[in-house]
Amino acid sequence: MSYCTQQDMVDRFGERDIITLTDIGVPATGAIDETVLTRALDDASAQIDAYLAARYALPLTSVPQI
């Protein structure tokens, strides 16, 4: 389960910051690297699930704001 989308990240932090954090290839493309961002979001979701699995049934039916 993904708790966040690429658009959520852009809305929260701005496109320029997401480009800076993901455009790590050589040469840089000046665009969001969707593969890098997806991997980071998947890793974060897995870490969240690891904490929640001890107490809650997964996947969550709704994702809280906090």
C-alpha atoms as a PDB file:
ATOM      1  CA  MET A   1       0.000   0.000   0.000  1.00  0.00           C
ATOM      2  CA  SER A   2       1.268   3.440  -0.841  1.00  0.00           C
ATOM      3  CA  TYR A   3       0.611   6.174   1.689  1.00  0.00           C
ATOM      4  CA  CYS A   4       1.750   8.955  -0.613  1.00  0.00           C
ATOM      5  CA  THR A   5       1.887   9.718  -4.330  1.00  0.00           C
ATOM      6  CA  GLN A   6       4.307  11.700  -6.446  1.00  0.00           C
ATOM      7  CA  GLN A   7       1.747  14.484  -6.679  1.00  0.00           C
ATOM      8  CA  ASP A   8       1.376  14.517  -2.881  1.00  0.00           C
ATOM      9  CA  MET A   9       5.128  15.084  -2.617  1.00  0.00           C
ATOM     10  CA  VAL A  10       5.086  17.882  -5.202  1.00  0.00           C
ATOM     11  CA  ASP A  11       2.106  19.526  -3.508  1.00  0.00           C
ATOM     12  CA  ARG A  12       3.787  19.367  -0.105  1.00  0.00           C
ATOM     13  CA  PHE A  13       7.416  20.239  -0.956  1.00  0.00           C
ATOM     14  CA  GLY A  14       7.313  21.799  -4.417  1.00  0.00           C
ATOM     15  CA  GLU A  15       8.488  20.453  -7.738  1.00  0.00           C
ATOM     16  CA  ARG A  16      11.933  22.102  -7.534  1.00  0.00           C
ATOM     17  CA  ASP A  17      12.770  20.319  -4.245  1.00  0.00           C
ATOM     18  CA  ILE A  18      11.574  16.951  -5.544  1.00  0.00           C
ATOM     19  CA  ILE A  19      13.669  17.396  -8.689  1.00  0.00           C
ATOM     20  CA  THR A  20      16.699  18.269  -6.546  1.00  0.00           C
ATOM     21  CA  LEU A  21      16.226  15.149  -4.430  1.00  0.00           C
ATOM     22  CA  THR A  22      15.527  12.694  -7.252  1.00  0.00           C
ATOM     23  CA  ASP A  23      17.441  13.903 -10.310  1.00  0.00           C
ATOM     24  CA  ILE A  24      20.634  12.093  -9.346  1.00  0.00           C
ATOM     25  CA  GLY A  25      21.597  10.646 -12.712  1.00  0.00           C
ATOM     26  CA  VAL A  26      24.567  11.791 -14.756  1.00  0.00           C
ATOM     27  CA  PRO A  27      23.855  13.881 -16.665  1.00  0.00           C
ATOM     28  CA  ALA A  28      20.980  15.443 -14.733  1.00  0.00           C
ATOM     29  CA  THR A  29      17.737  15.766 -16.687  1.00  0.00           C
ATOM     30  CA  GLY A  30      16.132  18.643 -14.790  1.00  0.00           C
ATOM     31  CA  ALA A  31      13.039  16.525 -14.150  1.00  0.00           C
ATOM     32  CA  ILE A  32      11.664  14.350 -11.372  1.00  0.00           C
ATOM     33  CA  ASP A  33      13.135  10.855 -11.611  1.00  0.00           C
ATOM     34  CA  GLU A  34       9.993   8.805 -11.052  1.00  0.00           C
ATOM     35  CA  THR A  35      11.965   5.612 -10.421  1.00  0.00           C
ATOM     36  CA  VAL A  36      13.963   7.189  -7.590  1.00  0.00           C
ATOM     37  CA  LEU A  37      10.872   8.789  -6.059  1.00  0.00           C
ATOM     38  CA  THR A  38       8.796   5.609  -6.324  1.00  0.00           C
ATOM     39  CA  ARG A  39      11.551   3.590  -4.635  1.00  0.00           C
ATOM     40  CA  ALA A  40      11.719   6.109  -1.781  1.00  0.00           C
ATOM     41  CA  LEU A  41       7.939   6.134  -1.353  1.00  0.00           C
ATOM     42  CA  ASP A  42       7.823   2.317  -1.392  1.00  0.00           C
ATOM     43  CA  ASP A  43      10.572   2.173   1.253  1.00  0.00           C
ATOM     44  CA  ALA A  44       8.711   4.673   3.433  1.00  0.00           C
ATOM     45  CA  SER A  45       5.438   2.744   3.058  1.00  0.00           C
ATOM     46  CA  ALA A  46       7.181  -0.500   4.037  1.00  0.00           C
ATOM     47  CA  GLN A  47       8.643   1.152   7.124  1.00  0.00           C
ATOM     48  CA  ILE A  48       5.227   2.532   8.112  1.00  0.00           C
ATOM     49  CA  ASP A  49       3.662  -0.911   7.633  1.00  0.00           C
ATOM     50  CA  ALA A  50       6.371  -2.508   9.783  1.00  0.00           C
ATOM     51  CA  TYR A  51       5.420  -0.253  12.689  1.00  0.00           C
ATOM     52  CA  LEU A  52       1.658  -0.546  12.185  1.00  0.00           C
ATOM     53  CA  ALA A  53       1.468  -4.306  11.598  1.00  0.00           C
ATOM     54  CA  ALA A  54       1.990  -5.081  15.297  1.00  0.00           C
ATOM     55  CA  ARG A  55      -1.166  -3.194  16.239  1.00  0.00           C
ATOM     56  CA  TYR A  56      -3.448  -2.781  13.222  1.00  0.00           C
ATOM     57  CA  ALA A  57      -4.826  -4.897  10.391  1.00  0.00           C
ATOM     58  CA  LEU A  58      -3.226  -3.867   7.115  1.00  0.00           C
ATOM     59  CA  PRO A  59      -3.808  -2.366   4.682  1.00  0.00           C
ATOM     60  CA  LEU A  60      -5.463   0.543   6.432  1.00  0.00           C
ATOM     61  CA  THR A  61      -8.920   1.335   5.089  1.00  0.00           C
ATOM     62  CA  SER A  62      -8.186   5.060   5.324  1.00  0.00           C
ATOM     63  CA  VAL A  63      -4.930   6.933   5.736  1.00  0.00           C
ATOM     64  CA  PRO A  64      -4.900   9.532   8.511  1.00  0.00           C
ATOM     65  CA  GLN A  65      -3.534  13.032   7.801  1.00  0.00           C
ATOM     66  CA  ILE A  66      -0.881  12.749  10.513  1.00  0.00           C
END
